[in-house]
Amino acid sequence: MHLIAHPDDYLYPASPSRLTVKAQRPRSEPLQAEPSLADDFAGLTPERAAERLIRRLDLHYRKLLKASDYDSLRFQVQSGQQSPAELLKAGIAAAAAGRREQFVAELRQGAPD
């Protein structure tokens, strides 16, 4: 109420034309391609690649995979029998398609698609 009755008692913000600071546009950076799964495992030792694969598969398969399944995955990757990128790609695709149990069964048989 006081503002309405006594508007001269209050300072008003400067109009936008009086502002000397220019609004800076955010710099646009070129979009970078998302790294492929192979790039995610590139440069890692087989042991580190196996651990990264297990951590990432564990997000989707925690309740389905047993400790022996993780040991088998670790051995297959460390010995070079399986590519961690291909295993992860197949695991994510199976989870997205609702075929998690089938993927786990294929892992246990040693031939995931």
Protein backbone atom coordinates (compact mmCIF):
# COMPACT_ATOMS: atom_id res chain seq x y z
CA MET A 1 0.00 0.00 0.00
CA HIS A 2 2.81 2.38 0.86
CA LEU A 3 4.36 1.84 -2.58
CA ILE A 4 1.16 2.84 -4.31
CA ALA A 5 0.66 5.91 -2.13
CA HIS A 6 4.32 7.06 -2.24
CA PRO A 7 6.00 5.79 -5.45
CA ASP A 8 8.79 8.39 -5.22
CA ASP A 9 10.14 6.71 -2.05
CA TYR A 10 11.21 3.64 -4.02
CA LEU A 11 13.96 3.25 -6.60
CA TYR A 12 13.03 1.59 -9.83
CA PRO A 13 15.41 -0.61 -11.80
CA ALA A 14 16.99 0.94 -14.84
CA SER A 15 15.35 0.29 -18.13
CA PRO A 16 17.02 -2.30 -20.35
CA SER A 17 18.20 0.38 -22.77
CA ARG A 18 20.28 1.98 -20.02
CA LEU A 19 22.11 -1.18 -19.14
CA THR A 20 25.70 -1.13 -20.32
CA VAL A 21 26.39 -4.79 -19.77
CA LYS A 22 25.66 -6.75 -22.89
CA ALA A 23 24.04 -10.08 -22.47
CA GLN A 24 26.53 -12.60 -23.71
CA ARG A 25 25.31 -15.42 -25.82
CA PRO A 26 26.44 -18.79 -24.66
CA ARG A 27 29.13 -20.15 -26.90
CA SER A 28 27.88 -22.99 -28.94
CA GLU A 29 30.29 -25.85 -29.20
CA PRO A 30 30.07 -28.36 -31.98
CA LEU A 31 28.36 -31.57 -31.03
CA GLN A 32 30.69 -34.44 -30.56
CA ALA A 33 29.77 -37.95 -31.53
CA GLU A 34 28.91 -40.24 -28.67
CA PRO A 35 31.76 -42.65 -28.02
CA SER A 36 31.19 -46.17 -29.18
CA LEU A 37 31.32 -49.11 -26.80
CA ALA A 38 34.63 -50.16 -28.34
CA ASP A 39 36.05 -46.73 -27.48
CA ASP A 40 34.82 -47.21 -23.91
CA PHE A 41 37.08 -50.24 -23.52
CA ALA A 42 39.98 -49.06 -25.70
CA GLY A 43 43.29 -48.74 -23.93
CA LEU A 44 42.22 -50.75 -20.89
CA THR A 45 44.03 -53.80 -19.67
CA PRO A 46 41.98 -56.99 -19.95
CA GLU A 47 41.52 -56.98 -16.18
CA ARG A 48 40.17 -53.40 -16.15
CA ALA A 49 38.00 -54.08 -19.19
CA ALA A 50 36.50 -57.11 -17.44
CA GLU A 51 35.77 -55.08 -14.32
CA ARG A 52 34.17 -52.28 -16.34
CA LEU A 53 32.03 -54.80 -18.22
CA ILE A 54 30.89 -56.42 -14.99
CA ARG A 55 30.02 -53.08 -13.38
CA ARG A 56 27.97 -52.02 -16.40
CA LEU A 57 26.17 -55.35 -16.80
CA ASP A 58 25.46 -55.42 -13.08
CA LEU A 59 23.17 -52.42 -13.51
CA HIS A 60 20.79 -54.51 -15.63
CA TYR A 61 21.42 -58.06 -14.41
CA ARG A 62 22.12 -57.78 -10.67
CA LYS A 63 19.30 -60.14 -9.68
CA LEU A 64 19.92 -62.64 -12.47
CA LEU A 65 23.70 -63.13 -12.51
CA LYS A 66 25.47 -65.20 -9.87
CA ALA A 67 29.05 -64.88 -8.64
CA SER A 68 30.05 -67.80 -10.87
CA ASP A 69 28.61 -65.94 -13.88
CA TYR A 70 30.73 -62.91 -13.07
CA ASP A 71 33.80 -65.12 -12.71
CA SER A 72 33.08 -66.70 -16.08
CA LEU A 73 32.69 -63.27 -17.72
CA ARG A 74 35.92 -62.08 -16.13
CA PHE A 75 37.79 -65.15 -17.40
CA GLN A 76 36.37 -64.89 -20.94
CA VAL A 77 37.37 -61.23 -21.26
CA GLN A 78 40.79 -61.60 -19.64
CA SER A 79 41.67 -64.59 -21.80
CA GLY A 80 40.53 -62.83 -24.98
CA GLN A 81 37.73 -65.27 -25.74
CA GLN A 82 35.10 -62.53 -25.74
CA SER A 83 35.12 -58.83 -26.54
CA PRO A 84 33.84 -56.77 -23.60
CA ALA A 85 32.27 -54.26 -25.99
CA GLU A 86 30.35 -56.98 -27.82
CA LEU A 87 29.20 -58.59 -24.57
CA LEU A 88 28.00 -55.26 -23.23
CA LYS A 89 26.26 -54.40 -26.49
CA ALA A 90 24.46 -57.75 -26.50
CA GLY A 91 23.55 -57.40 -22.82
CA ILE A 92 22.11 -53.92 -23.21
CA ALA A 93 20.19 -54.95 -26.33
CA ALA A 94 18.74 -57.97 -24.53
CA ALA A 95 17.71 -55.85 -21.54
CA ALA A 96 16.06 -53.30 -23.83
CA ALA A 97 14.19 -56.05 -25.69
CA GLY A 98 13.04 -57.73 -22.48
CA ARG A 99 15.16 -60.83 -23.07
CA ARG A 100 17.36 -60.66 -19.96
CA GLU A 101 16.75 -64.28 -18.91
CA GLN A 102 17.64 -65.51 -22.40
CA PHE A 103 20.88 -63.48 -22.38
CA VAL A 104 21.87 -64.93 -19.00
CA ALA A 105 21.15 -68.46 -20.27
CA GLU A 106 23.33 -67.81 -23.32
CA LEU A 107 26.10 -66.46 -21.10
CA ARG A 108 26.01 -69.61 -19.02
CA GLN A 109 26.27 -71.71 -22.19
CA GLY A 110 29.19 -69.56 -23.35
CA ALA A 111 27.71 -68.12 -26.55
CA PRO A 112 25.86 -64.81 -26.10
CA ASP A 113 24.57 -63.08 -29.25
